[in-house]
N, C-alpha and C. Protein backbone atom coordinates (compact mmCIF):
# COMPACT_ATOMS: atom_id res chain seq x y z
N MET A 1 25.35 -6.59 38.01
CA MET A 1 26.25 -7.65 37.65
C MET A 1 25.47 -8.82 37.05
N GLY A 2 26.19 -9.63 36.32
CA GLY A 2 25.53 -10.79 35.73
C GLY A 2 24.87 -10.47 34.40
N ARG A 3 24.95 -9.22 33.98
CA ARG A 3 24.31 -8.85 32.71
C ARG A 3 25.24 -9.11 31.52
N GLY A 4 26.49 -9.33 31.74
CA GLY A 4 27.46 -9.54 30.65
C GLY A 4 27.14 -10.74 29.79
N ARG A 5 26.80 -11.85 30.43
CA ARG A 5 26.50 -13.07 29.68
C ARG A 5 25.21 -12.90 28.88
N GLN A 6 24.20 -12.25 29.48
CA GLN A 6 22.92 -12.03 28.80
C GLN A 6 23.11 -11.09 27.60
N LYS A 7 23.88 -10.03 27.80
CA LYS A 7 24.12 -9.08 26.71
C LYS A 7 24.92 -9.73 25.58
N ALA A 8 25.89 -10.55 25.92
CA ALA A 8 26.68 -11.23 24.90
C ALA A 8 25.81 -12.18 24.09
N LYS A 9 24.89 -12.86 24.76
CA LYS A 9 23.99 -13.77 24.06
C LYS A 9 23.06 -13.00 23.12
N GLN A 10 22.52 -11.86 23.59
CA GLN A 10 21.66 -11.05 22.74
C GLN A 10 22.43 -10.49 21.54
N THR A 11 23.67 -10.09 21.78
CA THR A 11 24.49 -9.58 20.69
C THR A 11 24.76 -10.66 19.65
N LYS A 12 25.01 -11.87 20.11
CA LYS A 12 25.26 -12.98 19.19
C LYS A 12 24.01 -13.28 18.36
N VAL A 13 22.85 -13.31 19.01
CA VAL A 13 21.61 -13.58 18.29
C VAL A 13 21.33 -12.47 17.28
N ALA A 14 21.54 -11.22 17.69
CA ALA A 14 21.30 -10.10 16.79
C ALA A 14 22.23 -10.16 15.58
N ARG A 15 23.48 -10.51 15.81
CA ARG A 15 24.44 -10.61 14.71
C ARG A 15 24.06 -11.75 13.76
N ASP A 16 23.63 -12.87 14.33
CA ASP A 16 23.21 -14.00 13.48
C ASP A 16 22.01 -13.61 12.61
N LEU A 17 21.05 -12.88 13.19
CA LEU A 17 19.88 -12.46 12.43
C LEU A 17 20.25 -11.43 11.36
N LYS A 18 21.18 -10.56 11.70
CA LYS A 18 21.57 -9.50 10.77
C LYS A 18 22.21 -10.07 9.51
N TYR A 19 23.05 -11.06 9.66
CA TYR A 19 23.80 -11.58 8.52
C TYR A 19 23.20 -12.85 7.93
N TYR A 20 22.03 -13.27 8.42
CA TYR A 20 21.38 -14.47 7.90
C TYR A 20 20.69 -14.12 6.58
N SER A 21 20.92 -14.90 5.56
CA SER A 21 20.21 -14.71 4.30
C SER A 21 19.66 -16.07 3.87
N PRO A 22 18.35 -16.21 3.91
CA PRO A 22 17.76 -17.50 3.54
C PRO A 22 17.97 -17.76 2.05
N PRO A 23 17.97 -19.02 1.66
CA PRO A 23 18.14 -19.34 0.24
C PRO A 23 16.94 -18.81 -0.56
N THR A 24 17.22 -18.24 -1.71
CA THR A 24 16.17 -17.66 -2.54
C THR A 24 15.73 -18.67 -3.59
N ASP A 25 14.43 -18.90 -3.66
CA ASP A 25 13.87 -19.80 -4.66
C ASP A 25 13.52 -18.97 -5.89
N LEU A 26 14.44 -18.91 -6.83
CA LEU A 26 14.26 -18.06 -8.01
C LEU A 26 13.13 -18.53 -8.91
N SER A 27 12.89 -19.84 -8.97
CA SER A 27 11.80 -20.33 -9.81
C SER A 27 10.44 -19.90 -9.23
N ALA A 28 10.32 -19.92 -7.91
CA ALA A 28 9.07 -19.46 -7.29
C ALA A 28 8.87 -17.97 -7.53
N LEU A 29 9.95 -17.20 -7.47
CA LEU A 29 9.88 -15.78 -7.74
C LEU A 29 9.44 -15.53 -9.18
N GLN A 30 9.98 -16.30 -10.10
CA GLN A 30 9.61 -16.15 -11.50
C GLN A 30 8.12 -16.46 -11.71
N ARG A 31 7.64 -17.54 -11.08
CA ARG A 31 6.21 -17.88 -11.18
C ARG A 31 5.34 -16.77 -10.62
N GLU A 32 5.74 -16.20 -9.50
CA GLU A 32 4.96 -15.14 -8.88
C GLU A 32 4.91 -13.90 -9.77
N LEU A 33 6.02 -13.57 -10.37
CA LEU A 33 6.04 -12.40 -11.24
C LEU A 33 5.23 -12.62 -12.51
N GLN A 34 5.22 -13.84 -13.02
CA GLN A 34 4.43 -14.13 -14.21
C GLN A 34 2.94 -14.07 -13.90
N THR A 35 2.52 -14.53 -12.75
CA THR A 35 1.10 -14.49 -12.42
C THR A 35 0.64 -13.08 -12.10
N SER A 36 1.53 -12.22 -11.62
CA SER A 36 1.12 -10.86 -11.32
C SER A 36 0.82 -10.10 -12.61
N ALA A 37 1.47 -10.45 -13.71
CA ALA A 37 1.18 -9.79 -14.99
C ALA A 37 -0.23 -10.14 -15.44
N THR A 38 -0.66 -11.38 -15.26
CA THR A 38 -2.01 -11.75 -15.66
C THR A 38 -3.04 -11.17 -14.71
N SER A 39 -2.69 -10.98 -13.44
CA SER A 39 -3.65 -10.39 -12.51
C SER A 39 -3.84 -8.92 -12.80
N ASN A 40 -2.82 -8.25 -13.36
CA ASN A 40 -2.99 -6.85 -13.76
C ASN A 40 -3.98 -6.74 -14.91
N ASP A 41 -3.96 -7.70 -15.82
CA ASP A 41 -4.93 -7.71 -16.91
C ASP A 41 -6.34 -7.87 -16.36
N HIS A 42 -6.48 -8.73 -15.38
CA HIS A 42 -7.78 -8.94 -14.74
C HIS A 42 -8.24 -7.65 -14.06
N HIS A 43 -7.33 -6.96 -13.43
CA HIS A 43 -7.66 -5.69 -12.77
C HIS A 43 -8.13 -4.67 -13.80
N ASP A 44 -7.48 -4.60 -14.94
CA ASP A 44 -7.88 -3.67 -15.99
C ASP A 44 -9.28 -3.99 -16.51
N GLU A 45 -9.57 -5.28 -16.64
CA GLU A 45 -10.91 -5.68 -17.09
C GLU A 45 -11.97 -5.22 -16.10
N LEU A 46 -11.72 -5.41 -14.82
CA LEU A 46 -12.68 -4.98 -13.80
C LEU A 46 -12.82 -3.46 -13.77
N ALA A 47 -11.71 -2.76 -13.94
CA ALA A 47 -11.77 -1.30 -13.95
C ALA A 47 -12.61 -0.80 -15.12
N ASP A 48 -12.46 -1.43 -16.27
CA ASP A 48 -13.26 -1.03 -17.43
C ASP A 48 -14.74 -1.36 -17.22
N ARG A 49 -15.01 -2.49 -16.60
CA ARG A 49 -16.39 -2.90 -16.40
C ARG A 49 -17.12 -1.96 -15.45
N TYR A 50 -16.46 -1.54 -14.38
CA TYR A 50 -17.11 -0.74 -13.37
C TYR A 50 -16.73 0.73 -13.43
N ALA A 51 -16.21 1.18 -14.55
CA ALA A 51 -15.84 2.59 -14.70
C ALA A 51 -17.08 3.46 -14.67
N ASP A 52 -16.96 4.62 -14.09
CA ASP A 52 -18.06 5.57 -14.02
C ASP A 52 -18.13 6.32 -15.34
N THR A 53 -19.10 5.96 -16.16
CA THR A 53 -19.22 6.60 -17.47
C THR A 53 -20.27 7.69 -17.47
N GLU A 54 -21.05 7.81 -16.41
CA GLU A 54 -22.06 8.85 -16.32
C GLU A 54 -21.41 10.17 -15.93
N PRO A 55 -21.76 11.26 -16.59
CA PRO A 55 -21.20 12.55 -16.17
C PRO A 55 -21.80 12.96 -14.82
N ASP A 56 -21.07 13.75 -14.09
CA ASP A 56 -21.57 14.22 -12.80
C ASP A 56 -22.77 15.12 -13.02
N GLU A 57 -23.72 15.06 -12.06
CA GLU A 57 -24.91 15.88 -12.18
C GLU A 57 -24.60 17.35 -11.94
N SER A 58 -23.66 17.62 -11.09
CA SER A 58 -23.32 19.02 -10.82
C SER A 58 -21.85 19.23 -11.19
N SER A 59 -21.57 20.40 -11.67
CA SER A 59 -20.19 20.70 -12.02
C SER A 59 -19.46 21.20 -10.79
N ASP A 60 -18.16 21.33 -10.89
CA ASP A 60 -17.36 21.80 -9.76
C ASP A 60 -17.65 23.26 -9.44
N GLU A 61 -18.12 24.01 -10.42
CA GLU A 61 -18.37 25.43 -10.20
C GLU A 61 -19.60 25.67 -9.34
N ASP A 62 -20.57 24.76 -9.34
CA ASP A 62 -21.81 24.96 -8.60
C ASP A 62 -21.57 25.07 -7.11
N TRP A 63 -20.73 24.24 -6.56
CA TRP A 63 -20.56 24.23 -5.11
C TRP A 63 -19.78 25.43 -4.62
N ALA A 64 -18.95 26.03 -5.45
CA ALA A 64 -18.13 27.15 -5.01
C ALA A 64 -18.95 28.41 -4.82
N ASP A 65 -20.06 28.57 -5.55
CA ASP A 65 -20.86 29.78 -5.45
C ASP A 65 -21.80 29.77 -4.26
N GLU A 66 -22.16 28.60 -3.77
CA GLU A 66 -23.12 28.49 -2.68
C GLU A 66 -22.39 28.37 -1.35
N PRO A 67 -22.82 29.14 -0.33
CA PRO A 67 -22.20 28.97 0.99
C PRO A 67 -22.68 27.66 1.62
N ALA A 68 -21.88 27.11 2.46
CA ALA A 68 -22.24 25.86 3.12
C ALA A 68 -23.40 26.11 4.06
N SER A 69 -24.22 25.09 4.25
CA SER A 69 -25.36 25.25 5.14
C SER A 69 -24.85 25.45 6.56
N GLY A 70 -25.37 26.46 7.22
CA GLY A 70 -24.93 26.74 8.59
C GLY A 70 -23.73 27.65 8.64
N ALA A 71 -23.19 28.03 7.52
CA ALA A 71 -22.04 28.93 7.50
C ALA A 71 -22.53 30.36 7.61
N THR A 72 -21.86 31.14 8.37
CA THR A 72 -22.23 32.55 8.53
C THR A 72 -21.08 33.41 8.05
N ARG A 73 -21.44 34.57 7.55
CA ARG A 73 -20.42 35.50 7.07
C ARG A 73 -20.10 36.51 8.18
N ARG A 74 -18.85 36.83 8.31
CA ARG A 74 -18.43 37.84 9.28
C ARG A 74 -18.41 39.19 8.59
N ARG A 75 -18.78 40.20 9.33
CA ARG A 75 -18.73 41.55 8.77
C ARG A 75 -17.84 42.42 9.56
């Protein structure tokens, strides 16, 4: 007993949170989206600068022919 008031209060708080929609600052959203476009350009510059241009020393076929160290074959 005595749980009715507590449950009603929790239900009211949950309902208030569910239907609450804070005001949206559209100008701040626009600024954020505009700056993300320039940050993508910066990311591309860094990717180009640090791209791996050296070919791999071993090809993918080399590792497939050699058994792993410590691996044993079953007969």
